[in-house]
């Protein structure tokens, strides 16, 4: 029995030892095992890879970036001990220029370790517009002449940190140089320089990757001016005198006319390109025009190119207006390709009015006074079937002023070798003045200055000058039949203070 007891005691002691040993094993800390080497994986955006590892206990994986996710669509995933194969997906979030790296961390218990590194292959540099479209020759920034001075805002996004320092010379980038961050909206304000605001042109704005020479271009296209422009108001009421030596325009502030020496100079003339044509139009009746050949035009435009600029200078001159009425015209400058597209026959409507497409190319509209202005100050009474006009000389020459003794000169033109049985000049304006013919003047006057038209002339010293026997077909010609100088009839007014009769007006009678 004792043996049995001894054996029993020994068995109990053994069991106790085992129990104690087991108790001691259950309380001991377990050290997790991790892979010795990191897995280095190269992945393209949109692809997936399998991550293989063995865990010695319950585990959890973490991704360091949002673009690296596990099969559950999250940036973390959990599992139990054992061999594991976990799928890792790489998306396009924050995809940028150059390679980017994500770390995969394995956590077991209180310990963790980076067990893999995923390198996402980068893409090329890109710049997109506000709608997410890549810039290209088909998707560029357009500039139009109507936006000159206003500026154009360019909104864009890049996949890299950027700076803008280089751009075409015809552009101004406000507050340049500019810089910004990748994947964040960028904005630059751009204007076309005035001296380059005529010709159509293309260029590129370089959006450089910060700290490098790499860049992406934003293509820009200026379509050029779609009209003609200068520093002068095209319809500003520009008027030349009869000989073309001076011009004037009405001062909108005072209503008075400011006079300047010709030619009329226009600065900052803008026309799209250097291949253009100058066109001249003459007004027939109010606001109705006809196109005239350059050699027949009484207007002449000279255009000079300004150096290092698309701006031009234009000088407008006119010929002497020897007609008896004021004339008006328009000068147009149009690019030849535009003229070819519109067609010469489509510049004016059937009624002679400028079409909308042509009206934009009017450089300037002018008028020119006549050397003679039809006047009612005097009237000619004659038996002629054709009315004989008395014309007021707008700008008498120095020779005429010396010849007549006054600058208040009127002219009467008679048909060649025509008889006028009745011929009388009357005036209500000068009714109280004395009217003299040349032979009533002082004998000291040069008789050559006042050639004889005959001896049948008579004055009544009041309001008329009468050729008693009219004017024969030979009056006004010398013995050879050549036209004499005009007959000058002067009007004097007695001045009590000076006790003299100064000449106040003169009428020149011409033979054609």
Protein backbone atom coordinates (compact mmCIF):
# COMPACT_ATOMS: atom_id res chain seq x y z
CA UNK A 1 0.00 0.00 0.00
CA UNK A 2 2.83 2.39 0.85
CA UNK A 3 4.32 1.73 -2.53
CA UNK A 4 1.12 2.68 -4.09
CA UNK A 5 0.99 5.75 -1.95
CA UNK A 6 4.52 6.66 -2.85
CA UNK A 7 3.72 6.21 -6.45
CA UNK A 8 0.59 8.24 -6.00
CA UNK A 9 2.52 11.00 -4.30
CA UNK A 10 5.12 10.94 -7.03
CA UNK A 11 2.39 11.11 -9.68
CA UNK A 12 0.73 13.97 -7.90
CA UNK A 13 4.03 15.77 -7.63
CA UNK A 14 4.64 15.22 -11.35
CA UNK A 15 1.21 16.52 -12.17
CA UNK A 16 1.86 19.50 -9.94
CA UNK A 17 5.14 20.17 -11.69
CA UNK A 18 3.41 19.93 -15.07
CA UNK A 19 0.65 22.22 -13.91
CA UNK A 20 3.15 24.67 -12.54
CA UNK A 21 5.14 24.46 -15.76
CA UNK A 22 2.02 25.00 -17.83
CA UNK A 23 1.04 27.89 -15.67
CA UNK A 24 4.45 29.43 -16.11
CA UNK A 25 4.24 28.97 -20.00
CA UNK A 26 0.83 30.62 -20.26
CA UNK A 27 1.99 33.79 -18.52
CA UNK A 28 5.20 34.29 -20.57
CA UNK A 29 5.15 37.17 -23.27
CA UNK A 30 5.11 36.05 -26.93
CA UNK A 31 7.48 37.91 -29.31
CA UNK A 32 5.92 38.38 -32.80
CA UNK A 33 7.97 37.52 -35.84
CA UNK A 34 8.33 39.94 -38.80
CA UNK A 35 9.82 39.47 -42.27
CA UNK A 36 13.51 40.24 -42.19
CA UNK A 37 13.61 42.19 -45.49
CA UNK A 38 11.32 44.86 -46.89
CA UNK A 39 9.56 44.07 -50.11
CA UNK A 40 10.23 46.72 -52.77
CA UNK A 41 7.47 46.82 -55.37
CA UNK A 42 7.12 49.08 -58.41
CA UNK A 43 3.55 49.69 -59.51
CA UNK A 44 1.80 51.85 -62.09
CA UNK A 45 -1.29 53.83 -61.22
CA UNK A 46 -4.35 51.62 -61.70
CA UNK A 47 -2.51 48.35 -61.05
CA UNK A 48 -2.57 45.92 -58.08
CA UNK A 49 0.07 43.67 -56.48
CA UNK A 50 0.00 40.86 -53.91
CA UNK A 51 1.84 41.34 -50.65
CA UNK A 52 2.95 37.98 -49.15
CA UNK A 53 4.04 37.63 -45.51
CA UNK A 54 3.66 35.33 -42.45
CA UNK A 55 2.27 36.60 -39.17
CA UNK A 56 2.87 34.88 -35.85
CA UNK A 57 -0.22 36.39 -34.29
CA UNK A 58 -3.19 38.63 -35.09
CA UNK A 59 -2.04 41.47 -37.32
CA UNK A 60 -2.95 44.78 -38.96
CA UNK A 61 -1.56 46.46 -42.06
CA UNK A 62 -1.40 50.23 -42.61
CA UNK A 63 -0.74 52.22 -45.82
CA UNK A 64 1.01 55.57 -45.53
CA UNK A 65 -0.81 57.20 -48.45
CA UNK A 66 -4.32 57.58 -49.76
CA UNK A 67 -3.36 56.36 -53.21
CA UNK A 68 -2.29 52.98 -51.82
CA UNK A 69 -5.24 50.88 -50.55
CA UNK A 70 -6.01 47.27 -49.70
CA UNK A 71 -8.63 44.93 -51.14
CA UNK A 72 -11.22 46.32 -48.71
CA UNK A 73 -10.83 49.77 -50.28
CA UNK A 74 -9.29 51.13 -47.09
CA UNK A 75 -5.79 52.17 -46.08
CA UNK A 76 -5.76 49.51 -43.31
CA UNK A 77 -6.72 45.82 -43.08
CA UNK A 78 -6.59 43.15 -40.31
CA UNK A 79 -6.14 39.38 -40.10
CA UNK A 80 -5.10 36.36 -38.02
CA UNK A 81 -1.76 34.58 -37.66
CA UNK A 82 -0.46 32.48 -40.48
CA UNK A 83 0.71 32.88 -44.01
CA UNK A 84 -0.96 35.84 -45.73
CA UNK A 85 -1.50 37.13 -49.23
CA UNK A 86 -2.97 40.64 -49.25
CA UNK A 87 -3.83 42.51 -52.43
CA UNK A 88 -2.65 46.12 -52.60
CA UNK A 89 -4.10 48.53 -55.21
CA UNK A 90 -2.54 51.76 -56.46
CA UNK A 91 -4.89 54.46 -57.75
CA UNK A 92 -4.37 57.82 -59.50
CA UNK A 93 -5.05 60.10 -56.54
CA UNK A 94 -2.48 62.91 -56.35
CA UNK A 95 -0.66 61.40 -59.29
CA UNK A 96 2.22 63.74 -60.03
CA UNK A 97 5.40 64.11 -61.98
CA UNK A 98 8.14 61.70 -60.81
CA UNK A 99 7.95 58.63 -58.62
CA UNK A 100 6.09 58.54 -55.31
CA UNK A 101 6.50 55.98 -52.52
CA UNK A 102 4.06 54.39 -50.05
CA UNK A 103 5.04 52.36 -46.98
CA UNK A 104 3.14 49.28 -45.80
CA UNK A 105 3.45 48.76 -42.02
CA UNK A 106 2.67 45.43 -40.28
CA UNK A 107 1.54 45.67 -36.66
CA UNK A 108 1.43 42.62 -34.34
CA UNK A 109 0.65 43.22 -30.73
CA UNK A 110 2.47 46.33 -29.60
CA UNK A 111 5.12 46.03 -32.26
CA UNK A 112 5.14 47.21 -35.86
CA UNK A 113 7.52 47.28 -38.78
CA UNK A 114 7.57 48.51 -42.37
CA UNK A 115 7.52 45.33 -44.42
CA UNK A 116 7.03 46.74 -47.90
CA UNK A 117 7.55 49.87 -49.94
CA UNK A 118 5.51 50.51 -53.08
CA UNK A 119 6.91 52.86 -55.66
CA UNK A 120 4.25 54.34 -57.89
CA UNK A 121 5.62 55.29 -61.24
CA UNK A 122 5.04 58.98 -62.00
CA UNK A 123 3.55 60.48 -65.12
CA UNK A 124 4.76 63.27 -67.35
CA UNK A 125 4.22 66.91 -66.47
CA UNK A 126 0.79 68.21 -67.34
CA UNK A 127 -1.26 71.36 -67.10
CA UNK A 128 -5.04 71.33 -67.44
CA UNK A 129 -7.57 74.10 -67.85
CA UNK A 130 -10.41 74.89 -65.47
CA UNK A 131 -12.41 72.03 -66.99
CA UNK A 132 -9.64 69.47 -66.53
CA UNK A 133 -8.66 69.37 -70.20
CA UNK A 134 -5.03 69.33 -71.22
CA UNK A 135 -3.78 72.42 -73.03
CA UNK A 136 -2.84 71.85 -76.66
CA UNK A 137 -2.88 73.52 -80.06
CA UNK A 138 -6.55 72.58 -80.21
CA UNK A 139 -7.22 73.75 -76.65
CA UNK A 140 -5.43 77.07 -76.30
CA UNK A 141 -6.07 80.46 -74.74
CA UNK A 142 -7.60 82.85 -77.30
CA UNK A 143 -7.10 86.62 -77.18
CA UNK A 144 -9.33 89.03 -79.07
CA UNK A 145 -8.85 92.73 -79.76
CA UNK A 146 -11.98 93.62 -77.80
CA UNK A 147 -10.18 92.35 -74.68
CA UNK A 148 -7.19 94.68 -75.11
CA UNK A 149 -6.68 96.58 -71.88
CA UNK A 150 -9.04 94.33 -69.92
CA UNK A 151 -6.76 91.33 -69.49
CA UNK A 152 -7.56 87.63 -69.70
CA UNK A 153 -7.61 85.34 -66.66
CA UNK A 154 -6.08 81.90 -67.22
CA UNK A 155 -7.16 79.26 -64.67
CA UNK A 156 -5.20 76.02 -64.64
CA UNK A 157 -3.99 73.09 -62.52
CA UNK A 158 -0.65 71.28 -62.67
CA UNK A 159 0.68 68.02 -61.30
CA UNK A 160 3.79 69.76 -60.02
CA UNK A 161 4.87 72.88 -58.15
CA UNK A 162 5.25 75.60 -60.75
CA UNK A 163 6.60 79.05 -61.63
CA UNK A 164 5.77 81.34 -64.56
CA UNK A 165 8.71 83.47 -65.67
CA UNK A 166 8.84 83.14 -69.47
CA UNK A 167 6.18 84.23 -71.94
CA UNK A 168 5.94 85.98 -75.36
CA UNK A 169 7.22 89.55 -75.59
CA UNK A 170 3.81 90.72 -76.79
CA UNK A 171 2.19 89.66 -73.51
CA UNK A 172 2.21 91.13 -70.03
CA UNK A 173 1.74 88.64 -67.18
CA UNK A 174 0.59 90.67 -64.22
CA UNK A 175 2.72 90.39 -61.09
CA UNK A 176 5.15 87.96 -62.75
CA UNK A 177 7.10 85.94 -61.78
CA UNK A 178 4.34 83.83 -60.27
CA UNK A 179 4.43 80.49 -58.48
CA UNK A 180 2.03 77.88 -57.18
CA UNK A 181 1.61 74.33 -55.90
CA UNK A 182 0.72 71.20 -57.77
CA UNK A 183 -2.89 69.95 -57.75
CA UNK A 184 -4.11 73.30 -56.54
CA UNK A 185 -5.96 75.78 -58.79
CA UNK A 186 -3.63 78.38 -60.27
CA UNK A 187 -4.48 81.68 -61.91
CA UNK A 188 -2.58 84.26 -63.94
CA UNK A 189 -3.88 87.48 -65.51
CA UNK A 190 -2.50 88.28 -68.97
CA UNK A 191 -2.86 91.28 -71.29
CA UNK A 192 -1.59 92.06 -74.79
CA UNK A 193 0.79 95.02 -75.02
CA UNK A 194 -0.69 97.92 -76.94
CA UNK A 195 2.26 98.19 -79.32
CA UNK A 196 1.70 94.54 -80.31
CA UNK A 197 -2.08 94.64 -80.47
CA UNK A 198 -2.44 94.65 -84.26
CA UNK A 199 -1.01 91.51 -85.87
CA UNK A 200 -2.33 87.98 -85.39
CA UNK A 201 0.23 85.82 -83.60
CA UNK A 202 0.80 82.70 -81.52
CA UNK A 203 3.04 81.98 -78.54
CA UNK A 204 3.51 79.92 -75.38
CA UNK A 205 3.49 80.65 -71.67
CA UNK A 206 6.03 78.37 -69.97
CA UNK A 207 4.80 76.82 -66.74
CA UNK A 208 8.07 75.51 -65.29
CA UNK A 209 8.50 72.86 -62.66
CA UNK A 210 9.94 74.69 -59.66
CA UNK A 211 13.70 74.36 -59.39
CA UNK A 212 14.12 72.60 -62.75
CA UNK A 213 14.21 73.38 -66.43
CA UNK A 214 11.22 71.13 -67.11
CA UNK A 215 8.06 72.87 -68.26
CA UNK A 216 4.69 72.55 -69.96
CA UNK A 217 3.43 75.23 -72.35
CA UNK A 218 0.09 76.95 -72.24
CA UNK A 219 -0.41 77.93 -75.90
CA UNK A 220 -1.87 81.39 -76.51
CA UNK A 221 -3.29 82.77 -79.74
CA UNK A 222 -3.99 86.45 -80.48
CA UNK A 223 -6.28 86.82 -83.46
CA UNK A 224 -5.26 90.42 -84.11
CA UNK A 225 -7.34 93.54 -84.54
CA UNK A 226 -10.56 92.95 -86.46
CA UNK A 227 -10.92 96.58 -87.56
CA UNK A 228 -8.70 99.64 -88.04
CA UNK A 229 -7.95 102.05 -85.23
CA UNK A 230 -5.94 105.21 -84.54
CA UNK A 231 -5.68 108.02 -82.02
CA UNK A 232 -8.15 110.08 -84.09
CA UNK A 233 -11.91 109.65 -83.99
CA UNK A 234 -12.72 108.39 -87.49
CA UNK A 235 -15.94 110.40 -87.64
CA UNK A 236 -14.66 113.41 -85.71
CA UNK A 237 -15.64 116.09 -88.23
CA UNK A 238 -12.22 116.64 -89.84
CA UNK A 239 -12.30 119.45 -92.41
CA UNK A 240 -9.54 120.68 -94.71
CA UNK A 241 -9.49 124.15 -96.18
CA UNK A 242 -9.73 124.53 -99.94
CA UNK A 243 -6.01 124.42 -100.69
CA UNK A 244 -5.37 121.56 -98.26
CA UNK A 245 -2.84 123.52 -96.21
CA UNK A 246 -4.79 123.35 -92.97
CA UNK A 247 -7.42 121.22 -91.34
CA UNK A 248 -9.72 121.66 -88.40
CA UNK A 249 -12.07 119.74 -86.18
CA UNK A 250 -14.82 120.87 -83.88
CA UNK A 251 -13.82 121.00 -80.22
CA UNK A 252 -16.45 118.95 -78.41
CA UNK A 253 -15.80 120.84 -75.18
CA UNK A 254 -16.07 124.39 -76.47
CA UNK A 255 -17.89 123.89 -79.75
CA UNK A 256 -15.17 125.95 -81.42
CA UNK A 257 -13.02 124.79 -84.28
CA UNK A 258 -9.33 124.09 -83.71
CA UNK A 259 -7.13 124.57 -86.80
CA UNK A 260 -3.86 122.77 -87.53
CA UNK A 261 -1.28 122.64 -90.30
CA UNK A 262 -1.70 119.78 -92.78
CA UNK A 263 -1.10 116.91 -93.23
CA UNK A 264 -3.51 115.33 -90.79
CA UNK A 265 -1.34 112.94 -88.76
CA UNK A 266 -2.78 109.83 -87.14
CA UNK A 267 -0.70 108.03 -84.52
CA UNK A 268 -1.06 104.49 -83.16
CA UNK A 269 -2.67 103.23 -86.33
CA UNK A 270 -3.54 99.56 -85.93
CA UNK A 271 -4.25 97.24 -88.83
CA UNK A 272 -3.86 93.47 -88.83
CA UNK A 273 -0.62 92.89 -90.72
CA UNK A 274 1.53 94.78 -93.19
CA UNK A 275 -0.20 93.38 -96.26
CA UNK A 276 -3.05 95.85 -96.56
CA UNK A 277 -4.69 98.14 -99.11
CA UNK A 278 -5.69 101.79 -98.82
CA UNK A 279 -9.11 102.52 -100.32
CA UNK A 280 -10.65 105.91 -101.08
CA UNK A 281 -14.36 106.65 -101.19
CA UNK A 282 -16.01 109.88 -102.33
CA UNK A 283 -19.37 110.98 -101.01
CA UNK A 284 -21.90 111.56 -103.78
CA UNK A 285 -24.83 112.65 -101.63
CA UNK A 286 -25.30 112.53 -97.87
CA UNK A 287 -23.86 109.26 -96.51
CA UNK A 288 -23.71 107.62 -99.93
CA UNK A 289 -20.29 106.83 -101.35
CA UNK A 290 -18.51 105.43 -104.38
CA UNK A 291 -15.11 103.73 -104.50
CA UNK A 292 -12.62 105.72 -106.58
CA UNK A 293 -9.34 104.63 -108.11
CA UNK A 294 -6.27 105.75 -106.20
CA UNK A 295 -4.96 107.80 -109.12
CA UNK A 296 -8.28 109.67 -109.33
CA UNK A 297 -8.64 110.32 -105.62
CA UNK A 298 -8.18 113.81 -104.24
CA UNK A 299 -7.09 112.25 -100.94
CA UNK A 300 -3.66 110.71 -100.38
CA UNK A 301 -2.59 108.59 -97.39
CA UNK A 302 1.03 107.87 -96.50
CA UNK A 303 1.64 105.14 -93.91
CA UNK A 304 4.88 104.75 -91.94
CA UNK A 305 5.78 101.79 -89.74
CA UNK A 306 6.99 102.61 -86.23
CA UNK A 307 10.21 100.84 -85.26
CA UNK A 308 9.96 97.79 -82.96
CA UNK A 309 6.22 98.11 -82.90
CA UNK A 310 3.13 97.09 -84.80
CA UNK A 311 1.84 100.65 -84.50
CA UNK A 312 1.85 102.79 -87.60
CA UNK A 313 1.73 106.50 -88.35
CA UNK A 314 -0.48 107.75 -91.16
CA UNK A 315 -0.43 111.17 -92.85
CA UNK A 316 -3.42 112.33 -94.85
CA UNK A 317 -3.12 115.05 -97.48
CA UNK A 318 -5.64 116.45 -99.97
CA UNK A 319 -5.39 118.21 -103.31
CA UNK A 320 -6.58 121.74 -103.92
CA UNK A 321 -10.35 121.84 -104.29
CA UNK A 322 -11.04 123.99 -107.33
CA UNK A 323 -14.67 123.01 -107.50
CA UNK A 324 -17.51 125.21 -106.39
CA UNK A 325 -18.77 122.93 -103.67
CA UNK A 326 -17.47 121.27 -100.54
CA UNK A 327 -16.50 117.64 -100.96
CA UNK A 328 -16.34 114.73 -98.55
CA UNK A 329 -14.63 111.37 -98.55
CA UNK A 330 -13.54 108.39 -96.53
CA UNK A 331 -10.18 106.64 -96.26
CA UNK A 332 -10.23 102.95 -95.47
CA UNK A 333 -7.40 100.54 -94.63
CA UNK A 334 -8.16 96.85 -94.96
CA UNK A 335 -5.94 93.73 -94.85
CA UNK A 336 -5.79 92.19 -98.31
CA UNK A 337 -6.98 88.80 -97.12
CA UNK A 338 -9.99 90.45 -95.46
CA UNK A 339 -10.65 92.48 -98.61
CA UNK A 340 -10.45 89.32 -100.67
CA UNK A 341 -12.85 87.54 -98.34
CA UNK A 342 -15.39 90.41 -98.31
CA UNK A 343 -14.96 91.40 -101.96
CA UNK A 344 -14.78 94.92 -103.33
CA UNK A 345 -18.38 94.73 -104.52
CA UNK A 346 -19.56 94.09 -100.95
CA UNK A 347 -17.98 97.14 -99.30
CA UNK A 348 -21.01 99.27 -100.13
CA UNK A 349 -24.68 98.48 -100.27
CA UNK A 350 -26.64 99.09 -103.46
CA UNK A 351 -27.50 102.55 -102.11
CA UNK A 352 -23.85 103.46 -101.45
CA UNK A 353 -23.82 102.95 -97.66
CA UNK A 354 -20.92 101.12 -96.03
CA UNK A 355 -21.72 97.53 -95.10
CA UNK A 356 -21.19 96.45 -91.49
CA UNK A 357 -18.11 94.40 -92.35
CA UNK A 358 -16.51 97.33 -94.21
CA UNK A 359 -17.50 100.09 -91.79
CA UNK A 360 -15.04 98.76 -89.18
CA UNK A 361 -12.10 99.52 -91.49
CA UNK A 362 -12.81 103.24 -91.96
CA UNK A 363 -9.66 105.02 -90.82
CA UNK A 364 -11.02 108.55 -91.15
CA UNK A 365 -13.78 110.54 -92.79
CA UNK A 366 -13.00 114.05 -93.99
CA UNK A 367 -14.47 116.97 -95.86
CA UNK A 368 -12.79 119.77 -97.76
CA UNK A 369 -14.07 123.24 -98.30
CA UNK A 370 -14.35 124.60 -101.80
CA UNK A 371 -12.19 127.46 -102.93
CA UNK A 372 -15.48 129.03 -103.83
CA UNK A 373 -18.67 129.06 -101.85
CA UNK A 374 -21.95 129.88 -103.50
CA UNK A 375 -22.95 133.21 -102.03
CA UNK A 376 -26.15 135.24 -101.95
CA UNK A 377 -24.25 138.44 -101.10
CA UNK A 378 -24.29 139.33 -104.79
CA UNK A 379 -26.56 138.29 -107.63
CA UNK A 380 -25.93 138.37 -111.38
CA UNK A 381 -28.85 139.36 -113.60
CA UNK A 382 -28.26 138.21 -117.15
CA UNK A 383 -30.01 136.93 -120.23
CA UNK A 384 -27.96 133.74 -120.03
CA UNK A 385 -29.95 130.54 -120.01
CA UNK A 386 -27.48 129.08 -117.51
CA UNK A 387 -27.53 130.73 -114.05
CA UNK A 388 -24.32 132.57 -113.25
CA UNK A 389 -23.23 131.90 -109.66
CA UNK A 390 -21.36 134.30 -107.47
CA UNK A 391 -18.83 132.34 -105.45
CA UNK A 392 -17.23 133.49 -102.21
CA UNK A 393 -13.50 132.76 -102.17
CA UNK A 394 -12.85 130.67 -99.05
CA UNK A 395 -9.08 131.09 -98.87
CA UNK A 396 -7.90 133.77 -101.30
CA UNK A 397 -4.29 133.64 -102.38
CA UNK A 398 -1.86 136.39 -101.47
CA UNK A 399 -1.79 137.35 -105.16
CA UNK A 400 -5.59 137.78 -105.24
CA UNK A 401 -5.55 139.81 -102.03
CA UNK A 402 -2.91 142.14 -103.44
CA UNK A 403 -4.78 142.36 -106.74
CA UNK A 404 -8.13 143.24 -105.12
CA UNK A 405 -6.97 145.21 -102.11
CA UNK A 406 -9.02 143.02 -99.76
CA UNK A 407 -9.37 139.41 -98.65
CA UNK A 408 -13.17 139.59 -98.95
CA UNK A 409 -13.28 138.36 -102.53
CA UNK A 410 -16.06 136.99 -104.75
CA UNK A 411 -15.70 135.39 -108.17
CA UNK A 412 -17.94 135.22 -111.23
CA UNK A 413 -17.02 132.86 -114.06
CA UNK A 414 -18.29 133.47 -117.59
CA UNK A 415 -18.44 130.94 -120.40
CA UNK A 416 -15.73 131.34 -123.05
CA UNK A 417 -16.55 133.57 -126.05
CA UNK A 418 -20.15 134.02 -124.98
CA UNK A 419 -22.15 137.23 -125.27
CA UNK A 420 -24.31 138.47 -122.42
CA UNK A 421 -26.60 141.20 -123.75
CA UNK A 422 -27.81 141.96 -120.26
CA UNK A 423 -25.36 141.89 -117.40
CA UNK A 424 -25.90 143.47 -114.02
CA UNK A 425 -24.49 142.68 -110.53
CA UNK A 426 -26.71 143.68 -107.65
CA UNK A 427 -26.45 143.32 -103.89
CA UNK A 428 -28.73 143.86 -100.93
CA UNK A 429 -25.89 143.23 -98.50
CA UNK A 430 -23.86 146.08 -99.94
CA UNK A 431 -26.83 148.34 -100.87
CA UNK A 432 -25.52 151.27 -98.82
CA UNK A 433 -21.97 150.93 -100.10
CA UNK A 434 -20.30 152.62 -103.02
CA UNK A 435 -19.61 150.39 -106.00
CA UNK A 436 -16.72 151.19 -108.30
CA UNK A 437 -15.28 149.68 -111.42
CA UNK A 438 -11.56 149.80 -112.14
CA UNK A 439 -11.64 153.08 -114.16
CA UNK A 440 -13.31 154.88 -111.26
CA UNK A 441 -10.24 154.29 -109.16
CA UNK A 442 -7.39 156.72 -108.75
CA UNK A 443 -5.41 157.43 -111.87
CA UNK A 444 -2.37 156.32 -109.93
CA UNK A 445 -3.55 152.74 -110.07
CA UNK A 446 -1.70 150.49 -112.50
CA UNK A 447 -3.98 150.11 -115.55
CA UNK A 448 -2.42 146.73 -116.27
CA UNK A 449 -3.66 145.55 -112.88
CA UNK A 450 -7.21 146.35 -113.96
CA UNK A 451 -7.36 145.43 -117.68
CA UNK A 452 -10.06 146.97 -119.84
CA UNK A 453 -13.08 144.85 -120.60
CA UNK A 454 -14.60 147.70 -122.58
CA UNK A 455 -15.85 151.20 -121.89
CA UNK A 456 -19.51 150.48 -121.57
CA UNK A 457 -19.46 149.76 -117.87
CA UNK A 458 -21.28 152.02 -115.45
CA UNK A 459 -21.83 152.23 -111.72
CA UNK A 460 -24.61 153.94 -109.84
CA UNK A 461 -22.66 154.18 -106.57
CA UNK A 462 -25.45 152.39 -104.71
CA UNK A 463 -26.28 148.72 -105.09
CA UNK A 464 -25.41 147.61 -108.58
CA UNK A 465 -22.78 147.53 -111.28
CA UNK A 466 -24.18 147.56 -114.81
CA UNK A 467 -22.66 146.76 -118.15
CA UNK A 468 -24.99 149.02 -120.18
CA UNK A 469 -24.46 147.13 -123.40
CA UNK A 470 -23.85 143.81 -121.72
CA UNK A 471 -20.67 141.84 -122.27
CA UNK A 472 -19.63 140.96 -125.78
CA UNK A 473 -18.00 137.72 -126.78
CA UNK A 474 -14.67 139.54 -127.00
CA UNK A 475 -14.71 141.19 -123.60
CA UNK A 476 -12.03 139.64 -121.40
CA UNK A 477 -9.64 138.70 -124.19
CA UNK A 478 -6.64 140.53 -125.62
CA UNK A 479 -5.98 141.13 -129.29
CA UNK A 480 -4.45 137.70 -129.65
CA UNK A 481 -7.49 136.09 -128.10
CA UNK A 482 -5.75 135.18 -124.86
CA UNK A 483 -7.71 135.47 -121.61
CA UNK A 484 -7.00 138.68 -119.73
CA UNK A 485 -6.69 138.98 -116.00
CA UNK A 486 -10.09 139.08 -114.35
CA UNK A 487 -11.93 142.36 -114.16
CA UNK A 488 -11.95 143.56 -110.57
CA UNK A 489 -14.97 145.47 -109.31
CA UNK A 490 -14.42 146.85 -105.82
CA UNK A 491 -16.87 147.97 -103.18
CA UNK A 492 -15.90 150.82 -100.90
CA UNK A 493 -17.46 152.29 -97.81
CA UNK A 494 -16.91 155.84 -96.71
CA UNK A 495 -15.28 156.18 -93.31
CA UNK A 496 -15.89 159.53 -91.60
CA UNK A 497 -13.11 159.13 -89.10
CA UNK A 498 -10.38 158.51 -91.65
CA UNK A 499 -12.10 160.52 -94.37
CA UNK A 500 -11.39 157.69 -96.79
CA UNK A 501 -13.18 154.91 -98.61
CA UNK A 502 -11.45 151.60 -97.80
CA UNK A 503 -12.23 148.58 -99.98
CA UNK A 504 -14.58 146.21 -98.18
CA UNK A 505 -15.24 143.68 -100.95
CA UNK A 506 -14.19 142.82 -104.48
CA UNK A 507 -15.74 140.88 -107.36
CA UNK A 508 -13.49 139.18 -109.89
CA UNK A 509 -15.09 138.50 -113.29
CA UNK A 510 -13.32 135.69 -115.13
CA UNK A 511 -13.45 134.27 -118.57
CA UNK A 512 -13.09 130.48 -118.62
